[in-house]
Amino acid sequence: MSEEKKKHRFLTIEQVAEELNMTAVQIRALLKAGDLRGIPVGGRNVWCIGATDVEDFIAEAYQRTAERTAGDLPD
């Protein structure tokens, strides 16, 4: 994440979507599936996602990819 975004403790679905180059619909699906942590606040389906939760999601995605591709890449 950029330094500017790191100072924010929580991000909106739209901010996370932009950071991960995804759509808001995809981020909502990740939240619903429990793959990305977030908390609903107030009404109108507003969610806050912790900046550290986004970093954790990325780290876990790297780990899953490494496990899936171990030994599959040519030398």
N, C-alpha and C. Protein backbone atom coordinates (compact mmCIF):
# COMPACT_ATOMS: atom_id res chain seq x y z
N MET A 1 0.83 -1.19 0.00
CA MET A 1 0.00 0.00 0.00
C MET A 1 0.87 1.24 0.00
N SER A 2 0.38 2.30 -0.57
CA SER A 2 1.14 3.53 -0.58
C SER A 2 1.19 4.11 0.82
N GLU A 3 2.16 4.98 1.07
CA GLU A 3 2.30 5.59 2.39
C GLU A 3 1.05 6.36 2.79
N GLU A 4 0.42 7.01 1.83
CA GLU A 4 -0.78 7.79 2.11
C GLU A 4 -1.90 6.89 2.62
N LYS A 5 -2.06 5.72 2.03
CA LYS A 5 -3.13 4.82 2.41
C LYS A 5 -2.81 4.09 3.71
N LYS A 6 -1.53 3.92 4.04
CA LYS A 6 -1.16 3.22 5.27
C LYS A 6 -1.60 3.97 6.50
N LYS A 7 -1.72 5.27 6.43
CA LYS A 7 -2.10 6.02 7.63
C LYS A 7 -3.58 5.86 7.96
N HIS A 8 -4.37 5.33 7.04
CA HIS A 8 -5.77 5.07 7.30
C HIS A 8 -5.91 3.71 7.95
N ARG A 9 -6.58 3.67 9.08
CA ARG A 9 -6.77 2.40 9.77
C ARG A 9 -7.79 1.53 9.04
N PHE A 10 -8.84 2.17 8.53
CA PHE A 10 -9.89 1.44 7.83
C PHE A 10 -10.06 1.99 6.43
N LEU A 11 -10.42 1.09 5.51
CA LEU A 11 -10.67 1.46 4.12
C LEU A 11 -12.09 1.08 3.75
N THR A 12 -12.62 1.74 2.76
CA THR A 12 -13.94 1.40 2.23
C THR A 12 -13.78 0.26 1.22
N ILE A 13 -14.89 -0.34 0.86
CA ILE A 13 -14.88 -1.38 -0.17
C ILE A 13 -14.28 -0.82 -1.46
N GLU A 14 -14.65 0.39 -1.80
CA GLU A 14 -14.15 1.00 -3.03
C GLU A 14 -12.64 1.22 -2.98
N GLN A 15 -12.12 1.64 -1.83
CA GLN A 15 -10.68 1.84 -1.70
C GLN A 15 -9.92 0.52 -1.81
N VAL A 16 -10.46 -0.52 -1.19
CA VAL A 16 -9.82 -1.84 -1.27
C VAL A 16 -9.88 -2.35 -2.71
N ALA A 17 -11.01 -2.17 -3.36
CA ALA A 17 -11.14 -2.60 -4.75
C ALA A 17 -10.09 -1.92 -5.63
N GLU A 18 -9.89 -0.63 -5.43
CA GLU A 18 -8.89 0.10 -6.21
C GLU A 18 -7.49 -0.43 -5.89
N GLU A 19 -7.20 -0.64 -4.62
CA GLU A 19 -5.87 -1.12 -4.21
C GLU A 19 -5.55 -2.49 -4.81
N LEU A 20 -6.56 -3.37 -4.87
CA LEU A 20 -6.34 -4.73 -5.36
C LEU A 20 -6.68 -4.89 -6.85
N ASN A 21 -7.04 -3.79 -7.50
CA ASN A 21 -7.40 -3.81 -8.91
C ASN A 21 -8.55 -4.79 -9.16
N MET A 22 -9.57 -4.68 -8.33
CA MET A 22 -10.76 -5.53 -8.41
C MET A 22 -11.98 -4.62 -8.43
N THR A 23 -13.15 -5.23 -8.55
CA THR A 23 -14.38 -4.46 -8.48
C THR A 23 -14.93 -4.51 -7.06
N ALA A 24 -15.81 -3.57 -6.76
CA ALA A 24 -16.47 -3.56 -5.45
C ALA A 24 -17.29 -4.84 -5.27
N VAL A 25 -17.87 -5.34 -6.34
CA VAL A 25 -18.65 -6.59 -6.27
C VAL A 25 -17.74 -7.75 -5.85
N GLN A 26 -16.54 -7.79 -6.40
CA GLN A 26 -15.61 -8.86 -6.03
C GLN A 26 -15.19 -8.74 -4.56
N ILE A 27 -14.98 -7.52 -4.08
CA ILE A 27 -14.60 -7.32 -2.68
C ILE A 27 -15.76 -7.74 -1.77
N ARG A 28 -16.98 -7.38 -2.14
CA ARG A 28 -18.14 -7.82 -1.33
C ARG A 28 -18.24 -9.33 -1.29
N ALA A 29 -17.93 -10.00 -2.39
CA ALA A 29 -17.96 -11.47 -2.43
C ALA A 29 -16.88 -12.04 -1.50
N LEU A 30 -15.70 -11.43 -1.47
CA LEU A 30 -14.65 -11.88 -0.56
C LEU A 30 -15.07 -11.70 0.89
N LEU A 31 -15.72 -10.58 1.18
CA LEU A 31 -16.22 -10.34 2.54
C LEU A 31 -17.27 -11.38 2.92
N LYS A 32 -18.21 -11.62 2.02
CA LYS A 32 -19.30 -12.57 2.28
C LYS A 32 -18.76 -13.99 2.49
N ALA A 33 -17.73 -14.36 1.72
CA ALA A 33 -17.14 -15.69 1.83
C ALA A 33 -16.24 -15.83 3.05
N GLY A 34 -15.89 -14.71 3.67
CA GLY A 34 -14.99 -14.75 4.81
C GLY A 34 -13.53 -14.78 4.43
N ASP A 35 -13.23 -14.58 3.15
CA ASP A 35 -11.85 -14.57 2.68
C ASP A 35 -11.14 -13.27 3.02
N LEU A 36 -11.91 -12.21 3.21
CA LEU A 36 -11.38 -10.90 3.58
C LEU A 36 -12.17 -10.43 4.80
N ARG A 37 -11.43 -10.01 5.83
CA ARG A 37 -12.11 -9.54 7.04
C ARG A 37 -12.56 -8.10 6.89
N GLY A 38 -13.71 -7.81 7.45
CA GLY A 38 -14.24 -6.46 7.46
C GLY A 38 -15.36 -6.39 8.48
N ILE A 39 -15.81 -5.18 8.77
CA ILE A 39 -16.90 -5.01 9.73
C ILE A 39 -17.97 -4.10 9.12
N PRO A 40 -19.23 -4.49 9.30
CA PRO A 40 -20.30 -3.59 8.84
C PRO A 40 -20.48 -2.48 9.86
N VAL A 41 -20.63 -1.27 9.39
CA VAL A 41 -20.86 -0.13 10.28
C VAL A 41 -22.08 0.64 9.80
N GLY A 42 -22.91 1.01 10.73
CA GLY A 42 -24.10 1.77 10.37
C GLY A 42 -25.02 0.99 9.46
N GLY A 43 -25.81 1.70 8.73
CA GLY A 43 -26.73 1.07 7.80
C GLY A 43 -26.24 1.16 6.38
N ARG A 44 -27.12 0.87 5.47
CA ARG A 44 -26.84 1.01 4.04
C ARG A 44 -25.67 0.17 3.54
N ASN A 45 -25.44 -0.97 4.20
CA ASN A 45 -24.43 -1.91 3.76
C ASN A 45 -23.04 -1.28 3.64
N VAL A 46 -22.68 -0.43 4.61
CA VAL A 46 -21.37 0.20 4.63
C VAL A 46 -20.41 -0.71 5.40
N TRP A 47 -19.27 -0.98 4.79
CA TRP A 47 -18.27 -1.85 5.41
C TRP A 47 -16.97 -1.09 5.57
N CYS A 48 -16.25 -1.42 6.64
CA CYS A 48 -14.90 -0.93 6.85
C CYS A 48 -13.98 -2.13 6.88
N ILE A 49 -12.86 -2.03 6.19
CA ILE A 49 -11.89 -3.10 6.09
C ILE A 49 -10.57 -2.55 6.61
N GLY A 50 -10.02 -3.22 7.59
CA GLY A 50 -8.76 -2.78 8.17
C GLY A 50 -7.63 -2.85 7.17
N ALA A 51 -6.77 -1.84 7.19
CA ALA A 51 -5.61 -1.84 6.29
C ALA A 51 -4.76 -3.08 6.53
N THR A 52 -4.64 -3.49 7.78
CA THR A 52 -3.85 -4.70 8.07
C THR A 52 -4.55 -5.95 7.55
N ASP A 53 -5.87 -5.94 7.49
CA ASP A 53 -6.60 -7.07 6.94
C ASP A 53 -6.36 -7.21 5.44
N VAL A 54 -6.22 -6.09 4.76
CA VAL A 54 -5.89 -6.12 3.33
C VAL A 54 -4.48 -6.69 3.15
N GLU A 55 -3.54 -6.24 3.97
CA GLU A 55 -2.17 -6.76 3.90
C GLU A 55 -2.15 -8.26 4.20
N ASP A 56 -2.93 -8.71 5.18
CA ASP A 56 -3.02 -10.14 5.51
C ASP A 56 -3.59 -10.93 4.34
N PHE A 57 -4.61 -10.39 3.70
CA PHE A 57 -5.23 -11.05 2.55
C PHE A 57 -4.20 -11.24 1.44
N ILE A 58 -3.41 -10.21 1.18
CA ILE A 58 -2.39 -10.29 0.15
C ILE A 58 -1.34 -11.34 0.51
N ALA A 59 -0.88 -11.32 1.76
CA ALA A 59 0.13 -12.29 2.20
C ALA A 59 -0.40 -13.72 2.09
N GLU A 60 -1.65 -13.93 2.47
CA GLU A 60 -2.25 -15.26 2.36
C GLU A 60 -2.38 -15.69 0.91
N ALA A 61 -2.70 -14.75 0.02
CA ALA A 61 -2.81 -15.07 -1.40
C ALA A 61 -1.45 -15.48 -1.95
N TYR A 62 -0.40 -14.79 -1.54
CA TYR A 62 0.95 -15.18 -1.96
C TYR A 62 1.28 -16.58 -1.45
N GLN A 63 0.92 -16.87 -0.19
CA GLN A 63 1.21 -18.17 0.39
C GLN A 63 0.47 -19.28 -0.35
N ARG A 64 -0.83 -19.07 -0.61
CA ARG A 64 -1.61 -20.07 -1.34
C ARG A 64 -1.03 -20.31 -2.74
N THR A 65 -0.61 -19.24 -3.39
CA THR A 65 -0.03 -19.37 -4.72
C THR A 65 1.28 -20.14 -4.66
N ALA A 66 2.11 -19.84 -3.68
CA ALA A 66 3.38 -20.55 -3.54
C ALA A 66 3.16 -22.03 -3.30
N GLU A 67 2.20 -22.37 -2.47
CA GLU A 67 1.89 -23.77 -2.18
C GLU A 67 1.36 -24.49 -3.43
N ARG A 68 0.52 -23.79 -4.17
CA ARG A 68 -0.10 -24.38 -5.36
C ARG A 68 0.90 -24.56 -6.50
N THR A 69 1.86 -23.68 -6.58
CA THR A 69 2.79 -23.72 -7.71
C THR A 69 4.14 -24.33 -7.35
N ALA A 70 4.32 -24.80 -6.13
CA ALA A 70 5.60 -25.36 -5.71
C ALA A 70 6.00 -26.49 -6.66
N GLY A 71 7.16 -26.33 -7.26
CA GLY A 71 7.67 -27.36 -8.17
C GLY A 71 7.08 -27.31 -9.57
N ASP A 72 6.13 -26.42 -9.81
CA ASP A 72 5.48 -26.35 -11.12
C ASP A 72 6.17 -25.41 -12.10
N LEU A 73 7.03 -24.55 -11.61
CA LEU A 73 7.66 -23.58 -12.49
C LEU A 73 8.99 -24.15 -13.02
N PRO A 74 9.26 -23.94 -14.30
CA PRO A 74 10.52 -24.45 -14.87
C PRO A 74 11.72 -23.73 -14.28
N ASP A 75 12.85 -24.40 -14.29
CA ASP A 75 14.09 -23.80 -13.77
C ASP A 75 14.67 -22.80 -14.72
